[in-house]
Amino acid sequence: MRKIFVLFTLLLTVSLFSADGKTLAKNLGLSASSKASTQWNRVFKKAKKMAKYGIDKLSDADKGILKAYLVSHAADSDSPEAAGM
């Protein structure tokens, strides 16, 4: 029973402190709709471009979350990020 409690507490802690893509983008000052999805994919292919936006300082997991958010809400996507949303 104690192992289950410890595991549950650990999972809850991780989920509370993990950031979503929108929060990561906001913290870096990025707007998903400022680029098309192909442009965001190119940013994540080159270290120099990631460094320009501060993405290089994120963990690999956070990079993946951020990339998914930026591409799915890019200017040419089906659900672009709208101002004020």
C-alpha atoms as a PDB file:
ATOM      1  CA  MET A   1       0.000   0.000   0.000  1.00  0.00           C
ATOM      2  CA  ARG A   2       2.836   2.373   0.819  1.00  0.00           C
ATOM      3  CA  LYS A   3       4.443   1.828  -2.606  1.00  0.00           C
ATOM      4  CA  ILE A   4       1.190   2.744  -4.308  1.00  0.00           C
ATOM      5  CA  PHE A   5       0.931   5.929  -2.250  1.00  0.00           C
ATOM      6  CA  VAL A   6       4.514   6.923  -3.072  1.00  0.00           C
ATOM      7  CA  LEU A   7       3.964   6.215  -6.776  1.00  0.00           C
ATOM      8  CA  PHE A   8       0.723   8.212  -6.797  1.00  0.00           C
ATOM      9  CA  THR A   9       2.411  11.141  -5.038  1.00  0.00           C
ATOM     10  CA  LEU A  10       5.301  11.070  -7.505  1.00  0.00           C
ATOM     11  CA  LEU A  11       2.980  11.026 -10.530  1.00  0.00           C
ATOM     12  CA  LEU A  12       0.911  13.865  -9.112  1.00  0.00           C
ATOM     13  CA  THR A  13       4.019  15.959  -8.474  1.00  0.00           C
ATOM     14  CA  VAL A  14       5.355  15.381 -11.990  1.00  0.00           C
ATOM     15  CA  SER A  15       2.024  16.272 -13.575  1.00  0.00           C
ATOM     16  CA  LEU A  16       1.744  19.479 -11.542  1.00  0.00           C
ATOM     17  CA  PHE A  17       5.206  20.710 -12.492  1.00  0.00           C
ATOM     18  CA  SER A  18       5.261  19.677 -16.141  1.00  0.00           C
ATOM     19  CA  ALA A  19       4.530  22.534 -18.487  1.00  0.00           C
ATOM     20  CA  ASP A  20       2.244  22.484 -21.461  1.00  0.00           C
ATOM     21  CA  GLY A  21       3.179  23.854 -24.863  1.00  0.00           C
ATOM     22  CA  LYS A  22       1.260  27.083 -24.484  1.00  0.00           C
ATOM     23  CA  THR A  23       2.985  27.905 -21.199  1.00  0.00           C
ATOM     24  CA  LEU A  24       6.405  27.088 -22.621  1.00  0.00           C
ATOM     25  CA  ALA A  25       5.762  29.283 -25.660  1.00  0.00           C
ATOM     26  CA  LYS A  26       4.540  32.135 -23.474  1.00  0.00           C
ATOM     27  CA  ASN A  27       7.602  31.893 -21.210  1.00  0.00           C
ATOM     28  CA  LEU A  28       9.883  32.110 -24.258  1.00  0.00           C
ATOM     29  CA  GLY A  29       7.876  34.942 -25.826  1.00  0.00           C
ATOM     30  CA  LEU A  30       6.880  32.840 -28.838  1.00  0.00           C
ATOM     31  CA  SER A  31       3.629  33.073 -30.765  1.00  0.00           C
ATOM     32  CA  ALA A  32       2.657  29.918 -32.632  1.00  0.00           C
ATOM     33  CA  SER A  33       0.845  31.866 -35.331  1.00  0.00           C
ATOM     34  CA  SER A  34       3.909  33.957 -36.161  1.00  0.00           C
ATOM     35  CA  LYS A  35       5.206  31.190 -38.445  1.00  0.00           C
ATOM     36  CA  ALA A  36       3.855  28.442 -40.681  1.00  0.00           C
ATOM     37  CA  SER A  37       4.215  24.834 -39.525  1.00  0.00           C
ATOM     38  CA  THR A  38       7.088  24.140 -41.935  1.00  0.00           C
ATOM     39  CA  GLN A  39       8.953  27.137 -40.540  1.00  0.00           C
ATOM     40  CA  TRP A  40       8.551  25.855 -36.966  1.00  0.00           C
ATOM     41  CA  ASN A  41       9.810  22.438 -38.075  1.00  0.00           C
ATOM     42  CA  ARG A  42      12.918  24.117 -39.540  1.00  0.00           C
ATOM     43  CA  VAL A  43      13.546  25.978 -36.271  1.00  0.00           C
ATOM     44  CA  PHE A  44      13.703  22.676 -34.392  1.00  0.00           C
ATOM     45  CA  LYS A  45      16.132  21.123 -36.923  1.00  0.00           C
ATOM     46  CA  LYS A  46      18.985  23.577 -36.317  1.00  0.00           C
ATOM     47  CA  ALA A  47      20.672  24.285 -32.984  1.00  0.00           C
ATOM     48  CA  LYS A  48      21.475  27.851 -34.013  1.00  0.00           C
ATOM     49  CA  LYS A  49      17.817  28.635 -34.693  1.00  0.00           C
ATOM     50  CA  MET A  50      16.724  27.000 -31.428  1.00  0.00           C
ATOM     51  CA  ALA A  51      19.306  29.093 -29.565  1.00  0.00           C
ATOM     52  CA  LYS A  52      17.912  32.253 -31.186  1.00  0.00           C
ATOM     53  CA  TYR A  53      14.551  31.603 -29.495  1.00  0.00           C
ATOM     54  CA  GLY A  54      15.939  30.106 -26.260  1.00  0.00           C
ATOM     55  CA  ILE A  55      14.558  26.667 -27.065  1.00  0.00           C
ATOM     56  CA  ASP A  56      17.996  25.071 -26.691  1.00  0.00           C
ATOM     57  CA  LYS A  57      17.826  25.531 -22.910  1.00  0.00           C
ATOM     58  CA  LEU A  58      14.748  23.285 -22.587  1.00  0.00           C
ATOM     59  CA  SER A  59      14.823  19.573 -21.849  1.00  0.00           C
ATOM     60  CA  ASP A  60      14.218  17.173 -24.728  1.00  0.00           C
ATOM     61  CA  ALA A  61      10.742  16.410 -23.375  1.00  0.00           C
ATOM     62  CA  ASP A  62       9.843  20.103 -23.186  1.00  0.00           C
ATOM     63  CA  LYS A  63      11.223  20.666 -26.693  1.00  0.00           C
ATOM     64  CA  GLY A  64       8.904  17.963 -27.986  1.00  0.00           C
ATOM     65  CA  ILE A  65       5.909  19.443 -26.175  1.00  0.00           C
ATOM     66  CA  LEU A  66       6.738  22.940 -27.430  1.00  0.00           C
ATOM     67  CA  LYS A  67       7.263  21.780 -31.016  1.00  0.00           C
ATOM     68  CA  ALA A  68       3.948  19.919 -31.039  1.00  0.00           C
ATOM     69  CA  TYR A  69       2.151  23.013 -29.733  1.00  0.00           C
ATOM     70  CA  LEU A  70       3.818  25.440 -32.155  1.00  0.00           C
ATOM     71  CA  VAL A  71       3.218  23.246 -35.206  1.00  0.00           C
ATOM     72  CA  SER A  72      -0.388  22.436 -34.304  1.00  0.00           C
ATOM     73  CA  HIS A  73      -1.209  26.127 -33.717  1.00  0.00           C
ATOM     74  CA  ALA A  74       0.894  27.612 -36.524  1.00  0.00           C
ATOM     75  CA  ALA A  75      -0.508  30.221 -38.886  1.00  0.00           C
ATOM     76  CA  ASP A  76      -1.347  27.620 -41.555  1.00  0.00           C
ATOM     77  CA  SER A  77      -2.840  25.043 -39.173  1.00  0.00           C
ATOM     78  CA  ASP A  78      -6.504  24.108 -38.733  1.00  0.00           C
ATOM     79  CA  SER A  79      -6.507  25.730 -35.285  1.00  0.00           C
ATOM     80  CA  PRO A  80      -4.158  28.737 -35.356  1.00  0.00           C
ATOM     81  CA  GLU A  81      -3.404  30.556 -32.157  1.00  0.00           C
ATOM     82  CA  ALA A  82      -5.640  33.609 -31.945  1.00  0.00           C
ATOM     83  CA  ALA A  83      -4.697  36.789 -30.116  1.00  0.00           C
ATOM     84  CA  GLY A  84      -6.216  37.037 -26.669  1.00  0.00           C
ATOM     85  CA  MET A  85      -7.083  33.359 -26.393  1.00  0.00           C
END
